[in-house]
Amino acid sequence: MYKIDRNSEEYLTKLSKFIRVAEDDQEKKGKLRISCPCKDCNHIQFYTDSNVIKGHMISAGFTERYTCWSWHGELLQERDTVDSDHSEDDDDDSYDSGVEIV
C-alpha cells in the first residue's frame, strides 16, 4: 500500500478492506476505539469513527513498515504463513546478519 497512489481506486479498495478488518477486530474485542495507523497518528491516537481514520489514511498514508496489522486484528502467525508462501526464491546469500559462524 506504500507505493500506491492514495487517490487511486486500488488504494481506496484496499483501505476499505483494512477498515472492515479493523472494525471487525474492534467489535470482536469489545473495544470502543480504533488506533489510527496513519503517519501522523502512528497508533497514538484512537478514534470511535472509522471515517476519521479513513480520511487520515488518504491524506497522510500508513505509518512506515506497518505491514502486519497487529493493532487491527491480524496475527503475526497469519502473516508469517502468507509470507512463507511467497518466499521460495528468497535465498539471498549477500545478506550479512553480522553473526559469524565458526
C-alpha atoms as a PDB file:
ATOM      1  CA  MET A   1       0.000   0.000   0.000  1.00  0.00           C
ATOM      2  CA  TYR A   2       3.003   2.301   0.388  1.00  0.00           C
ATOM      3  CA  LYS A   3       3.681   2.551  -3.340  1.00  0.00           C
ATOM      4  CA  ILE A   4       0.068   3.008  -4.429  1.00  0.00           C
ATOM      5  CA  ASP A   5      -1.319   6.477  -5.172  1.00  0.00           C
ATOM      6  CA  ARG A   6      -3.575   7.254  -2.207  1.00  0.00           C
ATOM      7  CA  ASN A   7      -6.241   8.691  -4.517  1.00  0.00           C
ATOM      8  CA  SER A   8      -6.353   5.621  -6.759  1.00  0.00           C
ATOM      9  CA  GLU A   9      -9.229   3.153  -6.856  1.00  0.00           C
ATOM     10  CA  GLU A  10      -6.827   0.360  -5.835  1.00  0.00           C
ATOM     11  CA  TYR A  11      -5.733   2.204  -2.681  1.00  0.00           C
ATOM     12  CA  LEU A  12      -9.296   3.106  -1.720  1.00  0.00           C
ATOM     13  CA  THR A  13     -10.424  -0.510  -2.208  1.00  0.00           C
ATOM     14  CA  LYS A  14      -7.586  -1.867  -0.065  1.00  0.00           C
ATOM     15  CA  LEU A  15      -8.162   0.854   2.522  1.00  0.00           C
ATOM     16  CA  SER A  16     -11.838  -0.136   2.750  1.00  0.00           C
ATOM     17  CA  LYS A  17     -10.759  -3.738   3.358  1.00  0.00           C
ATOM     18  CA  PHE A  18      -8.380  -2.571   6.098  1.00  0.00           C
ATOM     19  CA  ILE A  19     -11.145  -0.512   7.743  1.00  0.00           C
ATOM     20  CA  ARG A  20     -13.506  -3.528   7.699  1.00  0.00           C
ATOM     21  CA  VAL A  21     -10.843  -5.709   9.347  1.00  0.00           C
ATOM     22  CA  ALA A  22     -10.213  -3.022  11.979  1.00  0.00           C
ATOM     23  CA  GLU A  23     -13.954  -2.615  12.669  1.00  0.00           C
ATOM     24  CA  ASP A  24     -14.411  -6.396  12.942  1.00  0.00           C
ATOM     25  CA  ASP A  25     -11.497  -6.563  15.384  1.00  0.00           C
ATOM     26  CA  GLN A  26     -12.949  -3.658  17.373  1.00  0.00           C
ATOM     27  CA  GLU A  27     -16.307  -5.414  17.663  1.00  0.00           C
ATOM     28  CA  LYS A  28     -14.791  -8.828  18.407  1.00  0.00           C
ATOM     29  CA  LYS A  29     -12.636  -7.436  21.215  1.00  0.00           C
ATOM     30  CA  GLY A  30     -15.264  -5.024  22.530  1.00  0.00           C
ATOM     31  CA  LYS A  31     -13.010  -2.013  22.005  1.00  0.00           C
ATOM     32  CA  LEU A  32     -14.543   1.444  21.984  1.00  0.00           C
ATOM     33  CA  ARG A  33     -11.951   2.996  19.674  1.00  0.00           C
ATOM     34  CA  ILE A  34      -9.578   2.030  16.871  1.00  0.00           C
ATOM     35  CA  SER A  35      -5.948   3.157  16.743  1.00  0.00           C
ATOM     36  CA  CYS A  36      -5.092   5.254  13.718  1.00  0.00           C
ATOM     37  CA  PRO A  37      -2.124   3.874  11.739  1.00  0.00           C
ATOM     38  CA  CYS A  38      -1.565   6.999   9.653  1.00  0.00           C
ATOM     39  CA  LYS A  39       1.889   8.595   9.551  1.00  0.00           C
ATOM     40  CA  ASP A  40       0.716  11.483  11.729  1.00  0.00           C
ATOM     41  CA  CYS A  41      -1.074   9.486  14.460  1.00  0.00           C
ATOM     42  CA  ASN A  42       1.264   6.442  14.424  1.00  0.00           C
ATOM     43  CA  HIS A  43      -1.073   4.380  16.643  1.00  0.00           C
ATOM     44  CA  ILE A  44      -1.017   7.029  19.388  1.00  0.00           C
ATOM     45  CA  GLN A  45      -4.441   8.493  18.546  1.00  0.00           C
ATOM     46  CA  PHE A  46      -7.606   6.405  18.808  1.00  0.00           C
ATOM     47  CA  TYR A  47     -10.977   7.172  17.203  1.00  0.00           C
ATOM     48  CA  THR A  48     -14.523   5.856  17.521  1.00  0.00           C
ATOM     49  CA  ASP A  49     -15.374   6.857  13.952  1.00  0.00           C
ATOM     50  CA  SER A  50     -13.524   4.807  11.348  1.00  0.00           C
ATOM     51  CA  ASN A  51     -14.268   7.505   8.751  1.00  0.00           C
ATOM     52  CA  VAL A  52     -11.813   9.761  10.600  1.00  0.00           C
ATOM     53  CA  ILE A  53      -9.159   7.060  10.235  1.00  0.00           C
ATOM     54  CA  LYS A  54     -10.034   6.603   6.567  1.00  0.00           C
ATOM     55  CA  GLY A  55      -9.563  10.338   5.998  1.00  0.00           C
ATOM     56  CA  HIS A  56      -6.200  10.267   7.771  1.00  0.00           C
ATOM     57  CA  MET A  57      -5.106   7.292   5.682  1.00  0.00           C
ATOM     58  CA  ILE A  58      -5.978   9.099   2.458  1.00  0.00           C
ATOM     59  CA  SER A  59      -4.269  12.344   3.437  1.00  0.00           C
ATOM     60  CA  ALA A  60      -1.205  11.019   5.314  1.00  0.00           C
ATOM     61  CA  GLY A  61      -0.843   7.333   4.371  1.00  0.00           C
ATOM     62  CA  PHE A  62       0.157   4.362   6.513  1.00  0.00           C
ATOM     63  CA  THR A  63       2.839   4.526   9.181  1.00  0.00           C
ATOM     64  CA  GLU A  64       6.077   3.213   7.676  1.00  0.00           C
ATOM     65  CA  ARG A  65       6.603  -0.554   7.887  1.00  0.00           C
ATOM     66  CA  TYR A  66       3.141  -1.324   9.274  1.00  0.00           C
ATOM     67  CA  THR A  67       2.784  -4.426   7.124  1.00  0.00           C
ATOM     68  CA  CYS A  68       1.253  -6.758   9.698  1.00  0.00           C
ATOM     69  CA  TRP A  69      -1.929  -5.185  11.042  1.00  0.00           C
ATOM     70  CA  SER A  70      -1.203  -6.378  14.571  1.00  0.00           C
ATOM     71  CA  TRP A  71      -3.028  -3.379  16.082  1.00  0.00           C
ATOM     72  CA  HIS A  72      -6.075  -4.158  13.960  1.00  0.00           C
ATOM     73  CA  GLY A  73      -6.677  -7.882  14.286  1.00  0.00           C
ATOM     74  CA  GLU A  74      -4.089  -9.562  12.098  1.00  0.00           C
ATOM     75  CA  LEU A  75      -1.992 -12.136  13.896  1.00  0.00           C
ATOM     76  CA  LEU A  76       1.740 -12.282  13.221  1.00  0.00           C
ATOM     77  CA  GLN A  77       1.377 -16.039  12.745  1.00  0.00           C
ATOM     78  CA  GLU A  78      -1.121 -15.437   9.917  1.00  0.00           C
ATOM     79  CA  ARG A  79       1.304 -13.017   8.302  1.00  0.00           C
ATOM     80  CA  ASP A  80       4.213 -15.470   8.577  1.00  0.00           C
ATOM     81  CA  THR A  81       2.141 -18.103   6.783  1.00  0.00           C
ATOM     82  CA  VAL A  82       1.335 -15.703   3.965  1.00  0.00           C
ATOM     83  CA  ASP A  83       4.949 -14.547   3.708  1.00  0.00           C
ATOM     84  CA  SER A  84       6.294 -18.098   3.614  1.00  0.00           C
ATOM     85  CA  ASP A  85       4.070 -18.845   0.627  1.00  0.00           C
ATOM     86  CA  HIS A  86       5.874 -16.136  -1.326  1.00  0.00           C
ATOM     87  CA  SER A  87       9.445 -16.685  -0.190  1.00  0.00           C
ATOM     88  CA  GLU A  88      10.535 -19.650  -2.291  1.00  0.00           C
ATOM     89  CA  ASP A  89      13.294 -17.702  -4.049  1.00  0.00           C
ATOM     90  CA  ASP A  90      14.324 -15.510  -1.135  1.00  0.00           C
ATOM     91  CA  ASP A  91      17.744 -17.142  -0.697  1.00  0.00           C
ATOM     92  CA  ASP A  92      19.859 -14.004  -0.770  1.00  0.00           C
ATOM     93  CA  ASP A  93      23.415 -15.035   0.004  1.00  0.00           C
ATOM     94  CA  SER A  94      24.526 -11.404   0.072  1.00  0.00           C
ATOM     95  CA  TYR A  95      22.715 -10.756   3.362  1.00  0.00           C
ATOM     96  CA  ASP A  96      25.131 -10.322   6.256  1.00  0.00           C
ATOM     97  CA  SER A  97      23.472 -10.766   9.628  1.00  0.00           C
ATOM     98  CA  GLY A  98      26.618  -9.740  11.456  1.00  0.00           C
ATOM     99  CA  VAL A  99      26.844 -13.166  13.090  1.00  0.00           C
ATOM    100  CA  GLU A 100      29.939 -15.148  12.289  1.00  0.00           C
ATOM    101  CA  ILE A 101      29.533 -18.913  12.144  1.00  0.00           C
ATOM    102  CA  VAL A 102      32.596 -20.689  13.481  1.00  0.00           C
END
